Amino acid sequence: MPEWGEARYADVELTGTLRLSEAPTHLYVLLPVLDGSKHYWVGPDEIDKLLANASSWLPDHPERDLITRRYLAHRRPLVTDALSRLEALDDRPDEPDDDEAEAETGETGETAAEPLALQRRAAVLAALKAEGAQRVVDLGCGEGTLLANLLADPFFTEIVGADVAAAALERAARRLRLDRLPERRRDRITLLHTSVVYVDPRLAGYDAICLVEVVEHLDPDRLPALERTVFAAACPRVVVVTTPNAEYNPVWESLPEGRFRHPDHRFEWTRAEFEAWASGVAQAHGYAVSFQPVGPADPERGAPTQLAVFTR
């Protein structure tokens, strides 16, 4: 009987609490990471596979960089591209680092680049305040980035975070530390499990509804349902909508031509397309609408984010 020596295999037990439907995405990414090598050619399409399977949990994972490097077989250009795109998704600070904290409090110098996510949230808050909207619903709130800003500002007296993904609401509750907030602050915020495409009476009666980077995640044929939910049924005094400006995408060299900014996007509008949709919605439901750019503007392509404020 020949002596083969020790085999290069190990029994590994992974533990965690998550939905069964999410477990395969973790395993898809982590198995080659634990193995330490990929047994086929690793090309740019592997970045899309990584984002498609891990965009909901990898951006803020404590071992994000290690997982990304090993998944992409340490190919530096691919790793650099993937990390930049993951950082763009990670606009959900839990405990911000010094640079981000300074950016949010306005303490950095004028030469410091402020992340687009921070500029977008600041623009939304400014629009709400300009309209005197103190009771606000963040519809499609995800893991609670905007909710954290709303909760930190005493101007906003009642805040609702609503999302179709129960897991996202659970993460939002953890990020906001709802179980540790003082009672008076905790009473200002409510999390609701609901959908943007189904009428929910609980969404009615608020000053404003925010749809921040939400509409592009819907199939176009579902947009009339969203319009019915928000503008016809809930009918707030103010609606704030932000969405990517597709014309700006080529400015980012890390974004391959013809690809969306996020693997879950169903479409991305040009400025003319967004304004046509918003104007049609406003006219149909008795609102006025105004538009503003968010982020550094390119002379020909405009700003990276477009924002619309509907008022009734």
C-alpha atoms as a PDB file:
ATOM      1  CA  MET A   1       0.000   0.000   0.000  1.00  0.00           C
ATOM      2  CA  PRO A   2       1.748   3.228  -1.067  1.00  0.00           C
ATOM      3  CA  GLU A   3       2.173   6.131   1.331  1.00  0.00           C
ATOM      4  CA  TRP A   4       0.406   9.085  -0.233  1.00  0.00           C
ATOM      5  CA  GLY A   5       1.022  11.523   2.618  1.00  0.00           C
ATOM      6  CA  GLU A   6      -1.393  14.142   3.838  1.00  0.00           C
ATOM      7  CA  ALA A   7      -4.136  15.237   1.487  1.00  0.00           C
ATOM      8  CA  ARG A   8      -4.614  18.959   0.740  1.00  0.00           C
ATOM      9  CA  TYR A   9      -8.164  18.939   1.999  1.00  0.00           C
ATOM     10  CA  ALA A  10      -9.844  19.998   5.207  1.00  0.00           C
ATOM     11  CA  ASP A  11     -13.239  19.855   6.825  1.00  0.00           C
ATOM     12  CA  VAL A  12     -14.507  23.423   7.267  1.00  0.00           C
ATOM     13  CA  GLU A  13     -17.630  24.445   9.139  1.00  0.00           C
ATOM     14  CA  LEU A  14     -19.130  27.858   8.340  1.00  0.00           C
ATOM     15  CA  THR A  15     -21.631  29.286  10.799  1.00  0.00           C
ATOM     16  CA  GLY A  16     -23.911  32.261  10.504  1.00  0.00           C
ATOM     17  CA  THR A  17     -27.500  33.446  10.563  1.00  0.00           C
ATOM     18  CA  LEU A  18     -29.044  34.334   7.226  1.00  0.00           C
ATOM     19  CA  ARG A  19     -31.893  33.425   4.930  1.00  0.00           C
ATOM     20  CA  LEU A  20     -31.552  30.067   3.229  1.00  0.00           C
ATOM     21  CA  SER A  21     -31.956  31.775  -0.149  1.00  0.00           C
ATOM     22  CA  GLU A  22     -28.866  33.904   0.586  1.00  0.00           C
ATOM     23  CA  ALA A  23     -26.602  31.037   1.631  1.00  0.00           C
ATOM     24  CA  PRO A  24     -25.759  29.865  -1.928  1.00  0.00           C
ATOM     25  CA  THR A  25     -24.436  33.317  -2.851  1.00  0.00           C
ATOM     26  CA  HIS A  26     -22.078  33.236   0.118  1.00  0.00           C
ATOM     27  CA  LEU A  27     -20.888  29.740  -0.755  1.00  0.00           C
ATOM     28  CA  TYR A  28     -20.465  30.616  -4.437  1.00  0.00           C
ATOM     29  CA  VAL A  29     -18.001  33.347  -3.470  1.00  0.00           C
ATOM     30  CA  LEU A  30     -16.365  31.841  -0.399  1.00  0.00           C
ATOM     31  CA  LEU A  31     -15.600  28.330  -1.671  1.00  0.00           C
ATOM     32  CA  PRO A  32     -12.956  29.470  -4.179  1.00  0.00           C
ATOM     33  CA  VAL A  33     -11.738  31.982  -1.602  1.00  0.00           C
ATOM     34  CA  LEU A  34     -11.190  29.242   0.967  1.00  0.00           C
ATOM     35  CA  ASP A  35      -9.646  27.003  -1.670  1.00  0.00           C
ATOM     36  CA  GLY A  36      -7.166  29.731  -2.463  1.00  0.00           C
ATOM     37  CA  SER A  37      -7.150  29.146  -6.208  1.00  0.00           C
ATOM     38  CA  LYS A  38      -9.468  29.130  -9.202  1.00  0.00           C
ATOM     39  CA  HIS A  39      -9.289  26.278 -11.628  1.00  0.00           C
ATOM     40  CA  TYR A  40     -10.240  28.261 -14.729  1.00  0.00           C
ATOM     41  CA  TRP A  41      -9.306  31.515 -16.438  1.00  0.00           C
ATOM     42  CA  VAL A  42     -10.195  34.570 -14.370  1.00  0.00           C
ATOM     43  CA  GLY A  43     -11.239  37.477 -16.575  1.00  0.00           C
ATOM     44  CA  PRO A  44     -13.220  40.732 -16.238  1.00  0.00           C
ATOM     45  CA  ASP A  45     -16.524  38.855 -16.269  1.00  0.00           C
ATOM     46  CA  GLU A  46     -15.609  37.433 -12.846  1.00  0.00           C
ATOM     47  CA  ILE A  47     -16.077  40.928 -11.392  1.00  0.00           C
ATOM     48  CA  ASP A  48     -19.700  40.923 -12.561  1.00  0.00           C
ATOM     49  CA  LYS A  49     -20.191  37.458 -11.054  1.00  0.00           C
ATOM     50  CA  LEU A  50     -18.738  38.660  -7.767  1.00  0.00           C
ATOM     51  CA  LEU A  51     -20.983  41.741  -7.649  1.00  0.00           C
ATOM     52  CA  ALA A  52     -24.059  39.775  -8.695  1.00  0.00           C
ATOM     53  CA  ASN A  53     -23.576  37.316  -5.837  1.00  0.00           C
ATOM     54  CA  ALA A  54     -22.057  39.484  -3.127  1.00  0.00           C
ATOM     55  CA  SER A  55     -23.187  43.090  -3.573  1.00  0.00           C
ATOM     56  CA  SER A  56     -25.622  42.751  -0.649  1.00  0.00           C
ATOM     57  CA  TRP A  57     -22.997  41.654   1.893  1.00  0.00           C
ATOM     58  CA  LEU A  58     -19.437  42.091   0.629  1.00  0.00           C
ATOM     59  CA  PRO A  59     -19.143  45.939   0.456  1.00  0.00           C
ATOM     60  CA  ASP A  60     -19.047  46.267   4.259  1.00  0.00           C
ATOM     61  CA  HIS A  61     -17.586  42.843   5.088  1.00  0.00           C
ATOM     62  CA  PRO A  62     -14.549  43.132   7.429  1.00  0.00           C
ATOM     63  CA  GLU A  63     -12.501  40.905   5.076  1.00  0.00           C
ATOM     64  CA  ARG A  64     -13.748  42.517   1.868  1.00  0.00           C
ATOM     65  CA  ASP A  65     -10.298  43.133   0.390  1.00  0.00           C
ATOM     66  CA  LEU A  66      -9.001  39.640   1.186  1.00  0.00           C
ATOM     67  CA  ILE A  67     -12.098  37.957  -0.235  1.00  0.00           C
ATOM     68  CA  THR A  68     -11.925  40.081  -3.382  1.00  0.00           C
ATOM     69  CA  ARG A  69      -8.221  39.394  -3.946  1.00  0.00           C
ATOM     70  CA  ARG A  70      -8.557  35.646  -3.525  1.00  0.00           C
ATOM     71  CA  TYR A  71     -11.759  35.399  -5.541  1.00  0.00           C
ATOM     72  CA  LEU A  72     -10.066  37.206  -8.439  1.00  0.00           C
ATOM     73  CA  ALA A  73      -6.892  35.118  -8.137  1.00  0.00           C
ATOM     74  CA  HIS A  74      -4.810  38.141  -7.058  1.00  0.00           C
ATOM     75  CA  ARG A  75      -5.030  39.695 -10.543  1.00  0.00           C
ATOM     76  CA  ARG A  76      -4.280  43.290  -9.598  1.00  0.00           C
ATOM     77  CA  PRO A  77      -6.195  45.174 -12.347  1.00  0.00           C
ATOM     78  CA  LEU A  78      -9.316  43.103 -11.695  1.00  0.00           C
ATOM     79  CA  VAL A  79      -8.997  43.486  -7.924  1.00  0.00           C
ATOM     80  CA  THR A  80      -8.564  47.261  -8.210  1.00  0.00           C
ATOM     81  CA  ASP A  81     -11.637  47.545 -10.456  1.00  0.00           C
ATOM     82  CA  ALA A  82     -13.742  45.303  -8.216  1.00  0.00           C
ATOM     83  CA  LEU A  83     -12.795  47.139  -5.023  1.00  0.00           C
ATOM     84  CA  SER A  84     -13.630  50.514  -6.561  1.00  0.00           C
ATOM     85  CA  ARG A  85     -17.063  49.251  -7.548  1.00  0.00           C
ATOM     86  CA  LEU A  86     -17.627  47.684  -4.132  1.00  0.00           C
ATOM     87  CA  GLU A  87     -16.666  50.949  -2.469  1.00  0.00           C
ATOM     88  CA  ALA A  88     -19.248  52.720  -4.626  1.00  0.00           C
ATOM     89  CA  LEU A  89     -21.878  50.349  -3.247  1.00  0.00           C
ATOM     90  CA  ASP A  90     -20.727  50.807   0.330  1.00  0.00           C
ATOM     91  CA  ASP A  91     -22.389  54.130   1.064  1.00  0.00           C
ATOM     92  CA  ARG A  92     -23.869  52.821   4.292  1.00  0.00           C
ATOM     93  CA  PRO A  93     -21.525  53.947   7.080  1.00  0.00           C
ATOM     94  CA  ASP A  94     -21.895  52.283  10.465  1.00  0.00           C
ATOM     95  CA  GLU A  95     -19.000  53.895  12.257  1.00  0.00           C
ATOM     96  CA  PRO A  96     -17.426  56.209   9.657  1.00  0.00           C
ATOM     97  CA  ASP A  97     -13.678  56.685   9.500  1.00  0.00           C
ATOM     98  CA  ASP A  98     -12.157  60.087  10.174  1.00  0.00           C
ATOM     99  CA  ASP A  99     -12.226  61.258   6.549  1.00  0.00           C
ATOM    100  CA  GLU A 100     -15.867  60.309   6.070  1.00  0.00           C
ATOM    101  CA  ALA A 101     -16.896  61.799   9.381  1.00  0.00           C
ATOM    102  CA  GLU A 102     -15.190  65.058   8.418  1.00  0.00           C
ATOM    103  CA  ALA A 103     -16.930  65.037   5.046  1.00  0.00           C
ATOM    104  CA  GLU A 104     -20.317  64.609   6.685  1.00  0.00           C
ATOM    105  CA  THR A 105     -19.737  67.387   9.189  1.00  0.00           C
ATOM    106  CA  GLY A 106     -18.239  69.751   6.614  1.00  0.00           C
ATOM    107  CA  GLU A 107     -14.905  70.024   8.411  1.00  0.00           C
ATOM    108  CA  THR A 108     -12.685  69.132   5.482  1.00  0.00           C
ATOM    109  CA  GLY A 109     -11.122  71.723   3.221  1.00  0.00           C
ATOM    110  CA  GLU A 110     -12.569  72.680  -0.120  1.00  0.00           C
ATOM    111  CA  THR A 111      -9.964  70.571  -1.918  1.00  0.00           C
ATOM    112  CA  ALA A 112     -11.196  67.323  -0.330  1.00  0.00           C
ATOM    113  CA  ALA A 113     -13.316  65.188  -2.623  1.00  0.00           C
ATOM    114  CA  GLU A 114     -16.679  64.402  -1.095  1.00  0.00           C
ATOM    115  CA  PRO A 115     -18.054  60.968  -2.052  1.00  0.00           C
ATOM    116  CA  LEU A 116     -21.049  61.067  -4.361  1.00  0.00           C
ATOM    117  CA  ALA A 117     -23.143  59.109  -1.865  1.00  0.00           C
ATOM    118  CA  LEU A 118     -22.667  61.844   0.723  1.00  0.00           C
ATOM    119  CA  GLN A 119     -23.490  64.572  -1.788  1.00  0.00           C
ATOM    120  CA  ARG A 120     -26.641  62.711  -2.818  1.00  0.00           C
ATOM    121  CA  ARG A 121     -27.890  62.312   0.742  1.00  0.00           C
ATOM    122  CA  ALA A 122     -27.092  65.951   1.505  1.00  0.00           C
ATOM    123  CA  ALA A 123     -29.083  67.027  -1.555  1.00  0.00           C
ATOM    124  CA  VAL A 124     -32.070  64.937  -0.481  1.00  0.00           C
ATOM    125  CA  LEU A 125     -32.028  66.358   3.042  1.00  0.00           C
ATOM    126  CA  ALA A 126     -31.724  69.893   1.680  1.00  0.00           C
ATOM    127  CA  ALA A 127     -34.711  69.350  -0.619  1.00  0.00           C
ATOM    128  CA  LEU A 128     -36.816  68.015   2.257  1.00  0.00           C
ATOM    129  CA  LYS A 129     -35.928  70.942   4.480  1.00  0.00           C
ATOM    130  CA  ALA A 130     -36.590  73.456   1.708  1.00  0.00           C
ATOM    131  CA  GLU A 131     -40.143  72.080   1.500  1.00  0.00           C
ATOM    132  CA  GLY A 132     -40.594  71.920   5.284  1.00  0.00           C
ATOM    133  CA  ALA A 133     -41.100  68.138   5.207  1.00  0.00           C
ATOM    134  CA  GLN A 134     -40.573  66.852   8.748  1.00  0.00           C
ATOM    135  CA  ARG A 135     -42.452  63.549   8.580  1.00  0.00           C
ATOM    136  CA  VAL A 136     -40.617  61.461   5.992  1.00  0.00           C
ATOM    137  CA  VAL A 137     -40.824  57.975   4.474  1.00  0.00           C
ATOM    138  CA  ASP A 138     -37.670  56.502   2.930  1.00  0.00           C
ATOM    139  CA  LEU A 139     -39.282  53.995   0.569  1.00  0.00           C
ATOM    140  CA  GLY A 140     -36.788  51.366  -0.525  1.00  0.00           C
ATOM    141  CA  CYS A 141     -34.574  52.296   2.428  1.00  0.00           C
ATOM    142  CA  GLY A 142     -32.260  49.291   2.116  1.00  0.00           C
ATOM    143  CA  GLU A 143     -29.879  49.064   5.040  1.00  0.00           C
ATOM    144  CA  GLY A 144     -30.654  52.508   6.378  1.00  0.00           C
ATOM    145  CA  THR A 145     -28.053  54.946   5.069  1.00  0.00           C
ATOM    146  CA  LEU A 146     -30.461  57.838   4.553  1.00  0.00           C
ATOM    147  CA  LEU A 147     -32.359  56.868   7.703  1.00  0.00           C
ATOM    148  CA  ALA A 148     -29.186  57.468   9.725  1.00  0.00           C
ATOM    149  CA  ASN A 149     -28.943  61.016   8.350  1.00  0.00           C
ATOM    150  CA  LEU A 150     -32.611  61.712   8.985  1.00  0.00           C
ATOM    151  CA  LEU A 151     -32.415  60.344  12.517  1.00  0.00           C
ATOM    152  CA  ALA A 152     -29.344  62.449  13.303  1.00  0.00           C
ATOM    153  CA  ASP A 153     -31.180  65.671  12.406  1.00  0.00           C
ATOM    154  CA  PRO A 154     -33.816  66.791  14.943  1.00  0.00           C
ATOM    155  CA  PHE A 155     -35.614  68.726  12.180  1.00  0.00           C
ATOM    156  CA  PHE A 156     -37.175  65.422  11.094  1.00  0.00           C
ATOM    157  CA  THR A 157     -39.749  64.514  13.711  1.00  0.00           C
ATOM    158  CA  GLU A 158     -41.115  61.239  12.294  1.00  0.00           C
ATOM    159  CA  ILE A 159     -39.164  58.843  10.081  1.00  0.00           C
ATOM    160  CA  VAL A 160     -40.266  55.645   8.364  1.00  0.00           C
ATOM    161  CA  GLY A 161     -37.920  53.217   6.655  1.00  0.00           C
ATOM    162  CA  ALA A 162     -39.731  50.858   4.298  1.00  0.00           C
ATOM    163  CA  ASP A 163     -38.301  48.054   2.198  1.00  0.00           C
ATOM    164  CA  VAL A 164     -39.413  44.835   0.504  1.00  0.00           C
ATOM    165  CA  ALA A 165     -36.400  42.916   1.875  1.00  0.00           C
ATOM    166  CA  ALA A 166     -36.851  41.864   5.484  1.00  0.00           C
ATOM    167  CA  ALA A 167     -33.141  41.080   5.736  1.00  0.00           C
ATOM    168  CA  ALA A 168     -32.280  44.648   4.708  1.00  0.00           C
ATOM    169  CA  LEU A 169     -34.563  46.008   7.426  1.00  0.00           C
ATOM    170  CA  GLU A 170     -32.859  43.781   9.986  1.00  0.00           C
ATOM    171  CA  ARG A 171     -29.478  45.123   8.913  1.00  0.00           C
ATOM    172  CA  ALA A 172     -30.839  48.672   9.039  1.00  0.00           C
ATOM    173  CA  ALA A 173     -31.981  48.113  12.626  1.00  0.00           C
ATOM    174  CA  ARG A 174     -28.513  46.871  13.551  1.00  0.00           C
ATOM    175  CA  ARG A 175     -26.752  49.739  11.781  1.00  0.00           C
ATOM    176  CA  LEU A 176     -28.982  52.298  13.462  1.00  0.00           C
ATOM    177  CA  ARG A 177     -28.567  50.497  16.815  1.00  0.00           C
ATOM    178  CA  LEU A 178     -32.284  50.781  17.423  1.00  0.00           C
ATOM    179  CA  ASP A 179     -32.079  48.529  20.440  1.00  0.00           C
ATOM    180  CA  ARG A 180     -29.672  50.976  22.117  1.00  0.00           C
ATOM    181  CA  LEU A 181     -31.162  54.328  21.177  1.00  0.00           C
ATOM    182  CA  PRO A 182     -32.630  56.580  23.870  1.00  0.00           C
ATOM    183  CA  GLU A 183     -36.393  56.144  23.999  1.00  0.00           C
ATOM    184  CA  ARG A 184     -37.248  59.611  22.650  1.00  0.00           C
ATOM    185  CA  ARG A 185     -34.997  59.110  19.633  1.00  0.00           C
ATOM    186  CA  ARG A 186     -36.169  55.549  19.066  1.00  0.00           C
ATOM    187  CA  ASP A 187     -39.786  56.728  19.030  1.00  0.00           C
ATOM    188  CA  ARG A 188     -39.049  58.947  16.001  1.00  0.00           C
ATOM    189  CA  ILE A 189     -38.362  56.015  13.651  1.00  0.00           C
ATOM    190  CA  THR A 190     -40.371  53.031  12.394  1.00  0.00           C
ATOM    191  CA  LEU A 191     -39.334  50.243  10.020  1.00  0.00           C
ATOM    192  CA  LEU A 192     -41.977  48.749   7.726  1.00  0.00           C
ATOM    193  CA  HIS A 193     -41.836  45.636   5.553  1.00  0.00           C
ATOM    194  CA  THR A 194     -43.636  46.639   2.367  1.00  0.00           C
ATOM    195  CA  SER A 195     -43.193  47.063  -1.376  1.00  0.00           C
ATOM    196  CA  VAL A 196     -43.013  50.069  -3.665  1.00  0.00           C
ATOM    197  CA  VAL A 197     -45.380  48.377  -6.125  1.00  0.00           C
ATOM    198  CA  TYR A 198     -48.252  47.519  -3.760  1.00  0.00           C
ATOM    199  CA  VAL A 199     -50.564  50.067  -2.200  1.00  0.00           C
ATOM    200  CA  ASP A 200     -49.985  50.209   1.559  1.00  0.00           C
ATOM    201  CA  PRO A 201     -52.256  52.474   3.647  1.00  0.00           C
ATOM    202  CA  ARG A 202     -49.483  52.815   6.246  1.00  0.00           C
ATOM    203  CA  LEU A 203     -47.530  55.012   3.805  1.00  0.00           C
ATOM    204  CA  ALA A 204     -50.264  57.643   3.569  1.00  0.00           C
ATOM    205  CA  GLY A 205     -50.358  60.884   5.520  1.00  0.00           C
ATOM    206  CA  TYR A 206     -46.668  61.811   5.583  1.00  0.00           C
ATOM    207  CA  ASP A 207     -45.108  65.058   4.426  1.00  0.00           C
ATOM    208  CA  ALA A 208     -42.692  63.390   2.026  1.00  0.00           C
ATOM    209  CA  ILE A 209     -41.666  60.121   0.423  1.00  0.00           C
ATOM    210  CA  CYS A 210     -38.094  59.609  -0.759  1.00  0.00           C
ATOM    211  CA  LEU A 211     -37.132  57.196  -3.539  1.00  0.00           C
ATOM    212  CA  VAL A 212     -33.338  57.347  -3.418  1.00  0.00           C
ATOM    213  CA  GLU A 213     -31.721  55.175  -6.117  1.00  0.00           C
ATOM    214  CA  VAL A 214     -34.838  52.978  -6.211  1.00  0.00           C
ATOM    215  CA  VAL A 215     -36.682  53.355  -9.525  1.00  0.00           C
ATOM    216  CA  GLU A 216     -33.839  51.879 -11.598  1.00  0.00           C
ATOM    217  CA  HIS A 217     -34.148  48.606  -9.677  1.00  0.00           C
ATOM    218  CA  LEU A 218     -37.647  48.015 -11.094  1.00  0.00           C
ATOM    219  CA  ASP A 219     -38.513  46.516 -14.445  1.00  0.00           C
ATOM    220  CA  PRO A 220     -39.931  49.337 -16.577  1.00  0.00           C
ATOM    221  CA  ASP A 221     -43.345  47.676 -16.749  1.00  0.00           C
ATOM    222  CA  ARG A 222     -43.564  47.918 -12.930  1.00  0.00           C
ATOM    223  CA  LEU A 223     -43.133  51.688 -12.846  1.00  0.00           C
ATOM    224  CA  PRO A 224     -46.897  52.379 -13.213  1.00  0.00           C
ATOM    225  CA  ALA A 225     -47.443  50.325 -10.045  1.00  0.00           C
ATOM    226  CA  LEU A 226     -44.863  52.439  -8.200  1.00  0.00           C
ATOM    227  CA  GLU A 227     -46.534  55.605  -9.447  1.00  0.00           C
ATOM    228  CA  ARG A 228     -49.895  54.348  -8.171  1.00  0.00           C
ATOM    229  CA  THR A 229     -48.421  53.425  -4.766  1.00  0.00           C
ATOM    230  CA  VAL A 230     -46.607  56.723  -4.196  1.00  0.00           C
ATOM    231  CA  PHE A 231     -48.408  59.457  -6.123  1.00  0.00           C
ATOM    232  CA  ALA A 232     -52.002  58.205  -6.211  1.00  0.00           C
ATOM    233  CA  ALA A 233     -52.448  56.236  -2.967  1.00  0.00           C
ATOM    234  CA  ALA A 234     -49.923  57.641  -0.454  1.00  0.00           C
ATOM    235  CA  CYS A 235     -50.094  61.084  -2.092  1.00  0.00           C
ATOM    236  CA  PRO A 236     -47.575  62.967   0.090  1.00  0.00           C
ATOM    237  CA  ARG A 237     -47.061  66.690  -0.267  1.00  0.00           C
ATOM    238  CA  VAL A 238     -43.473  66.116  -1.459  1.00  0.00           C
ATOM    239  CA  VAL A 239     -41.738  63.293  -3.341  1.00  0.00           C
ATOM    240  CA  VAL A 240     -37.965  63.264  -3.822  1.00  0.00           C
ATOM    241  CA  VAL A 241     -36.503  60.903  -6.432  1.00  0.00           C
ATOM    242  CA  THR A 242     -32.856  60.310  -7.302  1.00  0.00           C
ATOM    243  CA  THR A 243     -31.504  58.046 -10.025  1.00  0.00           C
ATOM    244  CA  PRO A 244     -28.238  57.652 -11.980  1.00  0.00           C
ATOM    245  CA  ASN A 245     -27.602  59.767 -15.052  1.00  0.00           C
ATOM    246  CA  ALA A 246     -26.704  57.212 -17.724  1.00  0.00           C
ATOM    247  CA  GLU A 247     -24.953  59.862 -19.811  1.00  0.00           C
ATOM    248  CA  TYR A 248     -22.325  60.280 -17.102  1.00  0.00           C
ATOM    249  CA  ASN A 249     -21.269  56.610 -16.947  1.00  0.00           C
ATOM    250  CA  PRO A 250     -18.440  56.869 -19.541  1.00  0.00           C
ATOM    251  CA  VAL A 251     -16.711  59.412 -17.303  1.00  0.00           C
ATOM    252  CA  TRP A 252     -15.843  56.543 -14.943  1.00  0.00           C
ATOM    253  CA  GLU A 253     -13.056  54.570 -16.587  1.00  0.00           C
ATOM    254  CA  SER A 254     -13.603  51.665 -14.159  1.00  0.00           C
ATOM    255  CA  LEU A 255     -17.146  51.109 -15.475  1.00  0.00           C
ATOM    256  CA  PRO A 256     -17.082  48.972 -18.650  1.00  0.00           C
ATOM    257  CA  GLU A 257     -18.877  50.484 -21.615  1.00  0.00           C
ATOM    258  CA  GLY A 258     -22.518  49.471 -21.872  1.00  0.00           C
ATOM    259  CA  ARG A 259     -22.784  48.212 -18.281  1.00  0.00           C
ATOM    260  CA  PHE A 260     -24.929  49.616 -15.509  1.00  0.00           C
ATOM    261  CA  ARG A 261     -23.557  50.922 -12.234  1.00  0.00           C
ATOM    262  CA  HIS A 262     -25.096  48.069 -10.253  1.00  0.00           C
ATOM    263  CA  PRO A 263     -25.840  44.493 -11.348  1.00  0.00           C
ATOM    264  CA  ASP A 264     -29.440  44.799 -10.119  1.00  0.00           C
ATOM    265  CA  HIS A 265     -30.262  47.872 -12.209  1.00  0.00           C
ATOM    266  CA  ARG A 266     -32.937  47.186 -14.814  1.00  0.00           C
ATOM    267  CA  PHE A 267     -32.288  50.438 -16.685  1.00  0.00           C
ATOM    268  CA  GLU A 268     -30.502  53.763 -16.297  1.00  0.00           C
ATOM    269  CA  TRP A 269     -32.059  56.909 -17.725  1.00  0.00           C
ATOM    270  CA  THR A 270     -30.535  59.789 -19.617  1.00  0.00           C
ATOM    271  CA  ARG A 271     -31.466  63.246 -18.371  1.00  0.00           C
ATOM    272  CA  ALA A 272     -34.092  63.629 -21.092  1.00  0.00           C
ATOM    273  CA  GLU A 273     -35.627  60.238 -20.289  1.00  0.00           C
ATOM    274  CA  PHE A 274     -35.813  60.977 -16.564  1.00  0.00           C
ATOM    275  CA  GLU A 275     -37.338  64.396 -17.113  1.00  0.00           C
ATOM    276  CA  ALA A 276     -39.910  62.961 -19.538  1.00  0.00           C
ATOM    277  CA  TRP A 277     -40.950  60.281 -17.027  1.00  0.00           C
ATOM    278  CA  ALA A 278     -41.085  62.687 -14.088  1.00  0.00           C
ATOM    279  CA  SER A 279     -43.001  65.344 -16.015  1.00  0.00           C
ATOM    280  CA  GLY A 280     -45.559  62.781 -17.126  1.00  0.00           C
ATOM    281  CA  VAL A 281     -46.043  61.523 -13.574  1.00  0.00           C
ATOM    282  CA  ALA A 282     -46.375  65.054 -12.217  1.00  0.00           C
ATOM    283  CA  GLN A 283     -48.983  66.006 -14.791  1.00  0.00           C
ATOM    284  CA  ALA A 284     -50.983  62.819 -14.236  1.00  0.00           C
ATOM    285  CA  HIS A 285     -51.142  63.207 -10.449  1.00  0.00           C
ATOM    286  CA  GLY A 286     -51.363  66.951  -9.883  1.00  0.00           C
ATOM    287  CA  TYR A 287     -47.760  67.701  -8.905  1.00  0.00           C
ATOM    288  CA  ALA A 288     -45.224  70.263 -10.035  1.00  0.00           C
ATOM    289  CA  VAL A 289     -41.688  68.952 -10.549  1.00  0.00           C
ATOM    290  CA  SER A 290     -38.233  70.532 -10.576  1.00  0.00           C
ATOM    291  CA  PHE A 291     -34.846  68.998 -11.341  1.00  0.00           C
ATOM    292  CA  GLN A 292     -31.327  69.453 -10.069  1.00  0.00           C
ATOM    293  CA  PRO A 293     -27.959  67.781 -10.683  1.00  0.00           C
ATOM    294  CA  VAL A 294     -26.021  66.113  -7.878  1.00  0.00           C
ATOM    295  CA  GLY A 295     -22.266  65.636  -7.957  1.00  0.00           C
ATOM    296  CA  PRO A 296     -19.462  67.034 -10.107  1.00  0.00           C
ATOM    297  CA  ALA A 297     -20.895  67.959 -13.504  1.00  0.00           C
ATOM    298  CA  ASP A 298     -19.262  67.142 -16.804  1.00  0.00           C
ATOM    299  CA  PRO A 299     -19.730  69.963 -19.368  1.00  0.00           C
ATOM    300  CA  GLU A 300     -21.357  67.630 -21.897  1.00  0.00           C
ATOM    301  CA  ARG A 301     -22.646  64.681 -19.869  1.00  0.00           C
ATOM    302  CA  GLY A 302     -24.051  66.456 -16.841  1.00  0.00           C
ATOM    303  CA  ALA A 303     -23.812  65.284 -13.221  1.00  0.00           C
ATOM    304  CA  PRO A 304     -23.616  61.639 -12.095  1.00  0.00           C
ATOM    305  CA  THR A 305     -26.909  61.757 -10.167  1.00  0.00           C
ATOM    306  CA  GLN A 306     -30.163  63.427 -11.170  1.00  0.00           C
ATOM    307  CA  LEU A 307     -32.715  64.510  -8.596  1.00  0.00           C
ATOM    308  CA  ALA A 308     -36.369  65.471  -8.971  1.00  0.00           C
ATOM    309  CA  VAL A 309     -38.552  67.173  -6.401  1.00  0.00           C
ATOM    310  CA  PHE A 310     -42.317  66.738  -6.842  1.00  0.00           C
ATOM    311  CA  THR A 311     -44.553  69.142  -4.902  1.00  0.00           C
ATOM    312  CA  ARG A 312     -48.310  69.178  -4.551  1.00  0.00           C
END
